[in-house]
Amino acid sequence: MSDLNDNPAPPRPRKKRKSYALLILAVGMLAFGVAAGTLYYALRPVTLRIAVGPSGSEDQKLIQLLAQTFARDGNAIRLSPITTEGATESIALFAAGKAELAVARGDLNLPANAESVAILRKNVVVLWSAPGLPGKNGKKQTAVKVKSLDELAGHKVGVIGRTQANVTLLRVILTSSGLNPDKVTISQFGTNQIAEMAKDPTIDAFMAVGPLNSKITADAITATAAARGEPKFLPIDVSEAIAQKHPLYESEEIAGSIFSSSPARPEDKVETVSVNHLIVAAKSVSETSIAGFARQLFTDRQQLARESPSAAHIEKPDTDKDAALPAHAGAAAYIDGTERTFLEKYTDYIWGAILFLSGLGSAGAWLQHYWKRDEREKYTEHRDNLLDLITRVRKAETPEELADMQTAADGMLREALNCYDDGTIEESDLSVIGLALEQFHHAVADRRAAIGTGTADMPRVRARQS
């Protein structure tokens, strides 16, 4: 212990004891803010852009209805339709990353990152022929020039729709049926040119690609029947072979009387080929977003069908891994029932964050202890010195010695209080100092009495009690 006659060191500036309660409150508010922000970010509505066209088409009307329904119901997924001139432009926007979704036929030139989300409908190939136009005498012909696909060579086929995909599909059908496509003349007509097509004398057969309830197909059959006579429907007997060679196509049957019951058109079921009309999504789009979109779409399907009959034909895509056009992971998760909840997805991250924060807390406590180790050692030294003073008090011979010891004790108390204000020691440590001081004062009083010295002029130092 230093010489008791030395002047005590000047007291250090008093520091206000840190308010750990306010610190904890601040940290708690920060954590709450981060959690609230994360929750808001995770649960906020996600808007997906979808390219569809042309304007006024059934596809465009259906997607517009979907967007309105999702917004009205306050769903987590919203749609922002982008109207295009047709499927080709829709795919171009999709490929350029300007739309997350697109409506297109499965046999179009889709980008490599396109994956199916839903089947809007099946486009069925309808092939038929009809008698020639009436002669100059106005008498209708009853003989049909083309009675089967085998007889198409050397004839001309009128194809409804300007898309090249219909021509490509017809050439696939002809090739699979053993015909040279180059020996069949193909002429395309717009959907507004059906009457012109029906009256074209150079055309002997007709082709339409669309849903079985398509008004365009029904109107085309009716127009050719009115202009030429009763149609003859041409079956595609190799439909299953086509489906095996070209997975994007499927074998299908046209039920009898589906286009008309009186007269029956067709009279009996007809084998044909179909191709899916899809909503596709980019593979990079969030699995959660696509799963949410698929859930809303199939949940609202029946409700949508009341306003748009075409919605009744919406189907789930093929989720097999070897499907010709694979399903998006989000759609597959919803359809197969493997969709994970928020906690299932992020439990590992949550626990990792908890462990990380716990580690930070432990590291902070260790650093605090390390930085203040000198003050802690000083407190321990003062405590031990105070206990030594009690022993020395009992051996003091003069009042001056007692006064010097009491001055030293005052300095030790001041240092202990500074340590407490700095947060180096706790109340329990301060209580130890208080107990030692109390014993010290008792020892001083006893020693004064023993050497016959009064106590009126000797100040008592009391420990601060918390």
Protein backbone atom coordinates (compact mmCIF):
# COMPACT_ATOMS: atom_id res chain seq x y z
CA MET A 1 0.00 0.00 0.00
CA SER A 2 1.29 3.55 -0.82
CA ASP A 3 2.45 5.87 1.93
CA LEU A 4 -0.58 7.02 3.92
CA ASN A 5 0.98 10.48 4.41
CA ASP A 6 0.98 11.16 0.65
CA ASN A 7 -1.72 13.47 -0.58
CA PRO A 8 -4.55 11.50 -2.16
CA ALA A 9 -4.89 11.65 -5.94
CA PRO A 10 -7.41 14.21 -7.19
CA PRO A 11 -10.77 12.63 -7.80
CA ARG A 12 -11.63 11.63 -11.38
CA PRO A 13 -14.57 13.32 -13.08
CA ARG A 14 -17.72 11.49 -12.17
CA LYS A 15 -19.29 9.57 -15.00
CA LYS A 16 -22.95 8.97 -15.18
CA ARG A 17 -23.64 5.26 -14.86
CA LYS A 18 -24.68 3.83 -18.19
CA SER A 19 -28.33 3.13 -18.49
CA TYR A 20 -28.38 -0.44 -19.67
CA ALA A 21 -32.17 -0.43 -19.57
CA LEU A 22 -32.25 2.30 -22.23
CA LEU A 23 -29.64 0.43 -24.24
CA ILE A 24 -31.69 -2.76 -24.11
CA LEU A 25 -34.81 -0.80 -25.05
CA ALA A 26 -33.00 0.76 -28.02
CA VAL A 27 -31.71 -2.61 -29.18
CA GLY A 28 -35.17 -4.10 -28.76
CA MET A 29 -36.76 -1.31 -30.81
CA LEU A 30 -34.11 -1.77 -33.48
CA ALA A 31 -34.73 -5.52 -33.59
CA PHE A 32 -38.48 -4.91 -33.75
CA GLY A 33 -37.99 -2.43 -36.59
CA VAL A 34 -35.83 -4.88 -38.52
CA ALA A 35 -38.35 -7.70 -37.95
CA ALA A 36 -41.28 -5.48 -38.97
CA GLY A 37 -39.42 -4.32 -42.08
CA THR A 38 -38.54 -7.89 -43.02
CA LEU A 39 -42.13 -9.01 -42.48
CA TYR A 40 -43.45 -6.13 -44.57
CA TYR A 41 -40.98 -6.93 -47.33
CA ALA A 42 -41.90 -10.63 -47.24
CA LEU A 43 -45.69 -10.08 -47.16
CA ARG A 44 -46.05 -7.08 -49.45
CA PRO A 45 -48.00 -7.69 -52.69
CA VAL A 46 -45.81 -8.82 -55.58
CA THR A 47 -46.72 -7.56 -59.04
CA LEU A 48 -45.94 -9.80 -62.01
CA ARG A 49 -45.95 -8.41 -65.54
CA ILE A 50 -47.68 -10.66 -68.06
CA ALA A 51 -47.49 -10.22 -71.83
CA VAL A 52 -50.65 -11.19 -73.72
CA GLY A 53 -52.24 -10.34 -77.04
CA PRO A 54 -53.71 -9.34 -79.30
CA SER A 55 -56.02 -6.68 -77.90
CA GLY A 56 -59.62 -7.86 -77.66
CA SER A 57 -58.72 -11.56 -77.85
CA GLU A 58 -60.07 -14.12 -75.40
CA ASP A 59 -56.61 -14.44 -73.87
CA GLN A 60 -56.35 -10.69 -73.28
CA LYS A 61 -59.83 -10.51 -71.77
CA LEU A 62 -59.14 -13.45 -69.45
CA ILE A 63 -55.83 -12.03 -68.19
CA GLN A 64 -57.45 -8.64 -67.64
CA LEU A 65 -60.17 -10.35 -65.60
CA LEU A 66 -57.51 -12.17 -63.59
CA ALA A 67 -55.71 -8.92 -62.83
CA GLN A 68 -58.94 -7.25 -61.69
CA THR A 69 -59.92 -10.22 -59.52
CA PHE A 70 -56.52 -10.43 -57.81
CA ALA A 71 -56.53 -6.68 -57.08
CA ARG A 72 -60.14 -6.68 -55.84
CA ASP A 73 -59.53 -9.58 -53.47
CA GLY A 74 -56.34 -8.01 -52.11
CA ASN A 75 -54.26 -11.05 -53.01
CA ALA A 76 -50.54 -11.28 -52.35
CA ILE A 77 -49.83 -11.60 -56.09
CA ARG A 78 -50.98 -8.94 -58.53
CA LEU A 79 -50.88 -8.94 -62.32
CA SER A 80 -49.87 -6.11 -64.63
CA PRO A 81 -51.03 -7.06 -68.17
CA ILE A 82 -48.95 -5.86 -71.11
CA THR A 83 -51.08 -6.01 -74.26
CA THR A 84 -49.17 -7.01 -77.38
CA GLU A 85 -49.98 -7.58 -81.04
CA GLY A 86 -49.84 -11.33 -80.57
CA ALA A 87 -47.99 -14.30 -79.17
CA THR A 88 -44.80 -13.55 -81.12
CA GLU A 89 -44.45 -10.10 -79.58
CA SER A 90 -45.41 -11.48 -76.15
CA ILE A 91 -42.60 -14.00 -76.34
CA ALA A 92 -40.18 -11.29 -77.49
CA LEU A 93 -41.01 -9.15 -74.44
CA PHE A 94 -40.73 -12.21 -72.21
CA ALA A 95 -37.34 -13.15 -73.66
CA ALA A 96 -36.10 -9.56 -73.19
CA GLY A 97 -36.97 -9.69 -69.48
CA LYS A 98 -39.70 -7.04 -69.79
CA ALA A 99 -42.34 -9.47 -68.51
CA GLU A 100 -42.15 -12.24 -65.90
CA LEU A 101 -45.08 -14.13 -67.49
CA ALA A 102 -46.42 -14.60 -71.01
CA VAL A 103 -49.37 -16.28 -72.70
CA ALA A 104 -48.31 -18.42 -75.65
CA ARG A 105 -48.75 -21.73 -77.41
CA GLY A 106 -46.44 -24.51 -76.34
CA ASP A 107 -45.15 -25.15 -79.88
CA LEU A 108 -43.94 -21.61 -80.45
CA ASN A 109 -40.26 -20.70 -80.24
CA LEU A 110 -40.16 -20.25 -76.48
CA PRO A 111 -36.95 -19.12 -74.71
CA ALA A 112 -34.91 -21.79 -72.91
CA ASN A 113 -35.82 -20.30 -69.51
CA ALA A 114 -39.58 -20.57 -70.11
CA GLU A 115 -41.44 -22.94 -67.79
CA SER A 116 -45.15 -23.69 -67.59
CA VAL A 117 -47.37 -22.35 -64.83
CA ALA A 118 -50.86 -23.20 -66.09
CA ILE A 119 -52.61 -24.56 -69.16
CA LEU A 120 -55.22 -22.05 -70.26
CA ARG A 121 -56.71 -24.41 -72.83
CA LYS A 122 -55.97 -27.12 -75.37
CA ASN A 123 -55.85 -25.96 -78.97
CA VAL A 124 -57.23 -28.80 -81.09
CA VAL A 125 -56.52 -29.29 -84.79
CA VAL A 126 -59.73 -29.54 -86.85
CA LEU A 127 -59.28 -30.65 -90.46
CA TRP A 128 -62.22 -30.91 -92.84
CA SER A 129 -63.06 -30.81 -96.51
CA ALA A 130 -66.24 -29.82 -98.33
CA PRO A 131 -67.77 -30.21 -101.80
CA GLY A 132 -66.80 -27.72 -104.44
CA LEU A 133 -68.66 -24.45 -104.97
CA PRO A 134 -71.94 -24.54 -106.94
CA GLY A 135 -71.61 -24.42 -110.72
CA LYS A 136 -72.86 -21.71 -113.02
CA ASN A 137 -76.31 -23.24 -112.92
CA GLY A 138 -76.38 -22.74 -109.14
CA LYS A 139 -76.56 -26.43 -108.38
CA LYS A 140 -74.56 -27.45 -105.30
CA GLN A 141 -72.05 -30.24 -105.60
CA THR A 142 -72.27 -33.16 -103.23
CA ALA A 143 -69.05 -34.98 -103.99
CA VAL A 144 -66.15 -34.30 -101.65
CA LYS A 145 -62.77 -34.14 -103.38
CA VAL A 146 -60.68 -34.98 -100.28
CA LYS A 147 -61.98 -37.80 -98.07
CA SER A 148 -58.82 -38.47 -96.07
CA LEU A 149 -55.39 -37.05 -95.40
CA ASP A 150 -53.90 -39.45 -97.93
CA GLU A 151 -55.73 -37.57 -100.69
CA LEU A 152 -54.40 -34.10 -99.82
CA ALA A 153 -51.44 -34.32 -102.20
CA GLY A 154 -51.97 -31.93 -105.10
CA HIS A 155 -54.68 -29.98 -103.25
CA LYS A 156 -54.78 -26.68 -101.43
CA VAL A 157 -55.49 -26.28 -97.71
CA GLY A 158 -56.85 -23.07 -96.22
CA VAL A 159 -55.43 -22.46 -92.75
CA ILE A 160 -57.18 -20.08 -90.38
CA GLY A 161 -54.78 -17.80 -88.53
CA ARG A 162 -51.65 -15.96 -89.60
CA THR A 163 -49.26 -17.61 -87.15
CA GLN A 164 -46.49 -19.69 -88.69
CA ALA A 165 -47.05 -22.26 -85.89
CA ASN A 166 -50.22 -23.49 -87.64
CA VAL A 167 -48.35 -24.08 -90.89
CA THR A 168 -45.56 -25.89 -89.05
CA LEU A 169 -48.09 -28.10 -87.29
CA LEU A 170 -49.82 -28.98 -90.59
CA ARG A 171 -46.49 -29.94 -92.15
CA VAL A 172 -45.74 -32.19 -89.13
CA ILE A 173 -49.13 -33.88 -89.59
CA LEU A 174 -48.57 -34.38 -93.33
CA THR A 175 -45.07 -35.74 -92.85
CA SER A 176 -46.17 -38.17 -90.11
CA SER A 177 -49.02 -39.33 -92.37
CA GLY A 178 -46.55 -40.25 -95.10
CA LEU A 179 -47.18 -37.24 -97.35
CA ASN A 180 -44.67 -34.85 -98.83
CA PRO A 181 -45.65 -31.44 -97.41
CA ASP A 182 -44.26 -29.73 -100.48
CA LYS A 183 -46.99 -31.39 -102.60
CA VAL A 184 -49.70 -29.70 -100.56
CA THR A 185 -50.36 -25.99 -101.13
CA ILE A 186 -51.02 -24.01 -97.96
CA SER A 187 -52.79 -20.65 -97.85
CA GLN A 188 -53.35 -18.69 -94.63
CA PHE A 189 -56.37 -16.52 -93.85
CA GLY A 190 -57.03 -14.12 -91.02
CA THR A 191 -59.82 -14.80 -88.56
CA ASN A 192 -61.79 -12.01 -90.27
CA GLN A 193 -61.48 -13.71 -93.69
CA ILE A 194 -63.53 -16.84 -93.02
CA ALA A 195 -66.23 -16.03 -95.59
CA GLU A 196 -63.60 -15.26 -98.22
CA MET A 197 -61.85 -18.57 -97.46
CA ALA A 198 -65.09 -20.57 -97.73
CA LYS A 199 -65.78 -19.14 -101.19
CA ASP A 200 -62.26 -19.59 -102.56
CA PRO A 201 -62.68 -22.16 -105.36
CA THR A 202 -59.03 -23.19 -105.22
CA ILE A 203 -59.29 -24.53 -101.67
CA ASP A 204 -60.38 -28.14 -101.12
CA ALA A 205 -59.67 -28.60 -97.37
CA PHE A 206 -59.60 -26.41 -94.29
CA MET A 207 -57.75 -26.32 -91.02
CA ALA A 208 -58.44 -24.52 -87.73
CA VAL A 209 -56.47 -24.69 -84.49
CA GLY A 210 -58.24 -23.64 -81.31
CA PRO A 211 -60.32 -24.83 -78.38
CA LEU A 212 -63.24 -27.08 -79.21
CA ASN A 213 -65.67 -24.37 -78.12
CA SER A 214 -63.97 -21.80 -80.34
CA LYS A 215 -66.45 -19.53 -82.10
CA ILE A 216 -63.94 -19.03 -84.90
CA THR A 217 -63.77 -22.77 -85.65
CA ALA A 218 -67.55 -23.17 -85.41
CA ASP A 219 -68.15 -20.17 -87.68
CA ALA A 220 -65.64 -21.50 -90.24
CA ILE A 221 -67.36 -24.91 -90.39
CA THR A 222 -70.78 -23.27 -90.71
CA ALA A 223 -69.53 -20.92 -93.44
CA THR A 224 -68.04 -23.71 -95.56
CA ALA A 225 -71.20 -25.82 -95.12
CA ALA A 226 -73.38 -22.92 -96.24
CA ALA A 227 -71.19 -22.08 -99.24
CA ARG A 228 -70.29 -25.61 -100.39
CA GLY A 229 -72.27 -28.31 -98.65
CA GLU A 230 -71.91 -30.63 -95.68
CA PRO A 231 -68.26 -30.92 -94.49
CA LYS A 232 -66.23 -34.10 -94.23
CA PHE A 233 -63.99 -34.22 -91.12
CA LEU A 234 -60.54 -35.70 -91.71
CA PRO A 235 -59.14 -37.85 -88.89
CA ILE A 236 -55.42 -37.79 -88.03
CA ASP A 237 -54.86 -41.50 -87.54
CA VAL A 238 -51.19 -41.03 -86.62
CA SER A 239 -51.90 -38.67 -83.69
CA GLU A 240 -50.31 -40.96 -81.12
CA ALA A 241 -47.19 -41.36 -83.24
CA ILE A 242 -46.99 -37.57 -83.58
CA ALA A 243 -47.27 -37.18 -79.79
CA GLN A 244 -44.41 -39.60 -79.25
CA LYS A 245 -42.14 -37.96 -81.82
CA HIS A 246 -43.08 -34.39 -80.87
CA PRO A 247 -43.77 -34.20 -77.12
CA LEU A 248 -45.20 -30.69 -77.39
CA TYR A 249 -48.21 -32.19 -79.20
CA GLU A 250 -50.80 -34.55 -77.71
CA SER A 251 -53.20 -37.09 -79.13
CA GLU A 252 -56.81 -35.92 -78.79
CA GLU A 253 -60.34 -36.88 -79.85
CA ILE A 254 -63.09 -34.64 -81.18
CA ALA A 255 -66.42 -35.87 -79.86
CA GLY A 256 -69.29 -36.40 -82.28
CA SER A 257 -71.80 -33.55 -82.70
CA ILE A 258 -69.56 -31.13 -80.79
CA PHE A 259 -69.85 -28.39 -83.44
CA SER A 260 -73.49 -29.05 -84.32
CA SER A 261 -76.10 -31.60 -83.31
CA SER A 262 -78.45 -31.12 -86.25
CA PRO A 263 -76.93 -32.03 -88.54
CA ALA A 264 -74.29 -33.87 -86.53
CA ARG A 265 -70.87 -32.30 -87.03
CA PRO A 266 -68.89 -34.51 -86.91
CA GLU A 267 -71.07 -37.57 -87.13
CA ASP A 268 -68.68 -39.63 -84.99
CA LYS A 269 -65.58 -39.05 -82.90
CA VAL A 270 -62.50 -37.96 -84.84
CA GLU A 271 -58.89 -38.56 -83.89
CA THR A 272 -56.71 -35.47 -83.96
CA VAL A 273 -53.80 -33.59 -82.38
CA SER A 274 -53.76 -30.82 -79.77
CA VAL A 275 -51.23 -28.33 -78.43
CA ASN A 276 -51.37 -26.56 -75.07
CA HIS A 277 -51.95 -22.83 -74.77
CA LEU A 278 -50.01 -21.81 -71.67
CA ILE A 279 -49.04 -19.23 -69.16
CA VAL A 280 -45.25 -19.48 -68.97
CA ALA A 281 -42.89 -17.96 -66.42
CA ALA A 282 -39.18 -17.30 -66.45
CA LYS A 283 -37.23 -19.85 -64.44
CA SER A 284 -35.58 -17.03 -62.50
CA VAL A 285 -38.86 -15.73 -61.08
CA SER A 286 -39.23 -16.39 -57.35
CA GLU A 287 -40.61 -19.81 -56.48
CA THR A 288 -42.74 -18.18 -53.78
CA SER A 289 -44.27 -15.71 -56.23
CA ILE A 290 -45.18 -18.35 -58.82
CA ALA A 291 -46.57 -20.68 -56.15
CA GLY A 292 -48.73 -17.81 -54.89
CA PHE A 293 -49.89 -17.01 -58.42
CA ALA A 294 -50.78 -20.65 -59.13
CA ARG A 295 -52.67 -20.91 -55.84
CA GLN A 296 -54.72 -17.81 -56.56
CA LEU A 297 -55.38 -18.85 -60.17
CA PHE A 298 -56.69 -22.33 -59.38
CA THR A 299 -58.57 -21.12 -56.29
CA ASP A 300 -60.41 -18.45 -58.30
CA ARG A 301 -60.91 -20.60 -61.40
CA GLN A 302 -64.56 -21.42 -60.78
CA GLN A 303 -65.36 -17.83 -59.84
CA LEU A 304 -63.66 -16.61 -63.00
CA ALA A 305 -65.61 -19.09 -65.12
CA ARG A 306 -68.86 -17.30 -64.18
CA GLU A 307 -67.59 -14.17 -65.89
CA SER A 308 -65.43 -15.76 -68.60
CA PRO A 309 -66.40 -19.28 -69.76
CA SER A 310 -62.88 -19.85 -71.11
CA ALA A 311 -61.57 -19.90 -67.52
CA ALA A 312 -63.30 -23.25 -67.01
CA HIS A 313 -60.70 -24.86 -69.27
CA ILE A 314 -57.72 -23.83 -67.14
CA GLU A 315 -55.71 -26.91 -66.12
CA LYS A 316 -52.64 -27.66 -64.06
CA PRO A 317 -49.41 -28.27 -65.99
CA ASP A 318 -47.51 -31.53 -66.12
CA THR A 319 -45.12 -31.58 -63.14
CA ASP A 320 -43.16 -34.65 -64.28
CA LYS A 321 -39.47 -33.92 -64.59
CA ASP A 322 -39.41 -35.37 -68.12
CA ALA A 323 -42.29 -33.18 -69.36
CA ALA A 324 -41.75 -31.56 -72.75
CA LEU A 325 -42.12 -28.14 -71.14
CA PRO A 326 -41.20 -28.44 -67.46
CA ALA A 327 -43.39 -26.83 -64.82
CA HIS A 328 -41.97 -23.93 -62.86
CA ALA A 329 -40.69 -25.04 -59.44
CA GLY A 330 -43.20 -22.76 -57.69
CA ALA A 331 -46.18 -24.13 -59.63
CA ALA A 332 -44.96 -27.72 -59.13
CA ALA A 333 -44.59 -27.14 -55.38
CA TYR A 334 -48.19 -25.92 -55.13
CA ILE A 335 -49.62 -28.68 -57.33
CA ASP A 336 -47.65 -31.51 -55.70
CA GLY A 337 -48.29 -30.21 -52.17
CA THR A 338 -44.62 -29.67 -51.41
CA GLU A 339 -44.88 -25.91 -50.97
CA ARG A 340 -43.00 -24.76 -47.87
CA THR A 341 -44.27 -22.21 -45.37
CA PHE A 342 -42.37 -19.06 -44.42
CA LEU A 343 -41.00 -20.67 -41.25
CA GLU A 344 -39.99 -23.84 -43.10
CA LYS A 345 -38.03 -21.78 -45.60
CA TYR A 346 -36.33 -19.43 -43.17
CA THR A 347 -36.04 -21.39 -39.91
CA ASP A 348 -32.35 -22.05 -40.51
CA TYR A 349 -31.72 -18.37 -41.15
CA ILE A 350 -33.70 -17.32 -38.07
CA TRP A 351 -31.78 -19.69 -35.80
CA GLY A 352 -28.55 -18.63 -37.43
CA ALA A 353 -29.37 -14.99 -36.71
CA ILE A 354 -30.21 -15.82 -33.09
CA LEU A 355 -26.93 -17.69 -32.64
CA PHE A 356 -25.05 -14.87 -34.32
CA LEU A 357 -26.61 -12.24 -32.04
CA SER A 358 -25.95 -14.43 -29.02
CA GLY A 359 -22.34 -14.72 -30.09
CA LEU A 360 -22.12 -10.96 -30.51
CA GLY A 361 -23.53 -10.48 -27.01
CA SER A 362 -20.98 -12.86 -25.52
CA ALA A 363 -18.17 -11.23 -27.46
CA GLY A 364 -19.34 -7.80 -26.32
CA ALA A 365 -19.43 -8.90 -22.69
CA TRP A 366 -15.92 -10.37 -22.99
CA LEU A 367 -14.59 -7.19 -24.63
CA GLN A 368 -16.18 -5.04 -21.95
CA HIS A 369 -14.59 -7.19 -19.29
CA TYR A 370 -11.25 -7.06 -21.14
CA TRP A 371 -11.27 -3.28 -21.60
CA LYS A 372 -12.11 -2.65 -17.94
CA ARG A 373 -9.87 -5.30 -16.45
CA ASP A 374 -7.52 -2.61 -15.05
CA GLU A 375 -10.35 -0.90 -13.17
CA ARG A 376 -11.56 -4.24 -11.90
CA GLU A 377 -8.06 -5.03 -10.63
CA LYS A 378 -7.89 -1.59 -9.00
CA TYR A 379 -11.19 -2.26 -7.23
CA THR A 380 -9.86 -5.58 -5.96
CA GLU A 381 -6.66 -3.88 -4.79
CA HIS A 382 -8.63 -1.22 -2.90
CA ARG A 383 -10.82 -3.86 -1.29
CA ASP A 384 -7.79 -5.79 -0.11
CA ASN A 385 -6.08 -2.59 1.08
CA LEU A 386 -9.18 -1.64 3.01
CA LEU A 387 -9.11 -4.97 4.79
CA ASP A 388 -5.44 -4.38 5.53
CA LEU A 389 -6.31 -0.97 6.98
CA ILE A 390 -8.66 -2.63 9.47
CA THR A 391 -5.74 -4.69 10.74
CA ARG A 392 -3.43 -1.66 10.88
CA VAL A 393 -6.06 0.46 12.67
CA ARG A 394 -5.89 -1.91 15.63
CA LYS A 395 -2.14 -1.26 15.90
CA ALA A 396 -2.24 2.55 15.49
CA GLU A 397 -0.61 4.49 18.32
CA THR A 398 -1.62 8.07 17.55
CA PRO A 399 -4.69 9.98 16.35
CA GLU A 400 -2.68 11.20 13.36
CA GLU A 401 -2.23 7.65 12.12
CA LEU A 402 -5.95 7.06 12.38
CA ALA A 403 -6.66 10.29 10.49
CA ASP A 404 -4.25 9.29 7.70
CA MET A 405 -5.86 5.86 7.46
CA GLN A 406 -9.33 7.40 7.28
CA THR A 407 -8.15 9.74 4.49
CA ALA A 408 -6.83 6.73 2.61
CA ALA A 409 -10.16 4.96 3.10
CA ASP A 410 -11.95 7.99 1.66
CA GLY A 411 -9.82 7.71 -1.49
CA MET A 412 -10.56 4.01 -1.80
CA LEU A 413 -14.29 4.69 -1.48
CA ARG A 414 -14.08 7.37 -4.17
CA GLU A 415 -12.32 4.96 -6.54
CA ALA A 416 -14.89 2.24 -5.82
CA LEU A 417 -17.74 4.64 -6.57
CA ASN A 418 -16.06 5.68 -9.83
CA CYS A 419 -15.75 2.01 -10.80
CA TYR A 420 -19.44 1.56 -10.06
CA ASP A 421 -20.35 4.60 -12.16
CA ASP A 422 -18.27 3.21 -15.03
CA GLY A 423 -20.15 -0.06 -14.87
CA THR A 424 -17.01 -1.99 -13.97
CA ILE A 425 -18.49 -3.37 -10.75
CA GLU A 426 -22.03 -4.19 -9.68
CA GLU A 427 -24.02 -3.29 -6.60
CA SER A 428 -22.95 -6.51 -4.93
CA ASP A 429 -19.30 -5.42 -5.24
CA LEU A 430 -20.17 -2.02 -3.81
CA SER A 431 -21.91 -3.71 -0.91
CA VAL A 432 -18.67 -5.54 -0.09
CA ILE A 433 -16.85 -2.20 0.06
CA GLY A 434 -19.61 -0.81 2.28
CA LEU A 435 -19.34 -3.75 4.67
CA ALA A 436 -15.54 -3.35 4.83
CA LEU A 437 -15.90 0.39 5.50
CA GLU A 438 -18.38 -0.25 8.27
CA GLN A 439 -15.92 -2.64 9.93
CA PHE A 440 -13.17 -0.07 9.38
CA HIS A 441 -15.15 2.67 11.16
CA HIS A 442 -15.92 0.35 14.05
CA ALA A 443 -12.22 -0.45 14.31
CA VAL A 444 -11.30 3.28 14.22
CA ALA A 445 -13.86 4.09 16.94
CA ASP A 446 -12.62 1.25 19.11
CA ARG A 447 -9.01 2.31 18.62
CA ARG A 448 -9.70 5.95 19.48
CA ALA A 449 -11.40 4.82 22.65
CA ALA A 450 -8.44 2.61 23.43
CA ILE A 451 -5.89 5.41 23.11
CA GLY A 452 -8.17 7.90 24.85
CA THR A 453 -8.87 10.24 21.92
CA GLY A 454 -12.20 11.98 21.44
CA THR A 455 -14.15 11.56 18.26
CA ALA A 456 -15.88 14.92 17.94
CA ASP A 457 -13.31 16.31 15.51
CA MET A 458 -12.94 13.09 13.46
CA PRO A 459 -15.38 12.85 10.48
CA ARG A 460 -17.07 9.52 9.78
CA VAL A 461 -17.06 8.27 6.17
CA ARG A 462 -20.12 6.30 5.20
CA ALA A 463 -20.49 4.15 2.18
CA ARG A 464 -23.17 5.19 -0.29
CA GLN A 465 -26.04 2.81 -0.08
CA SER A 466 -27.94 2.01 -3.24
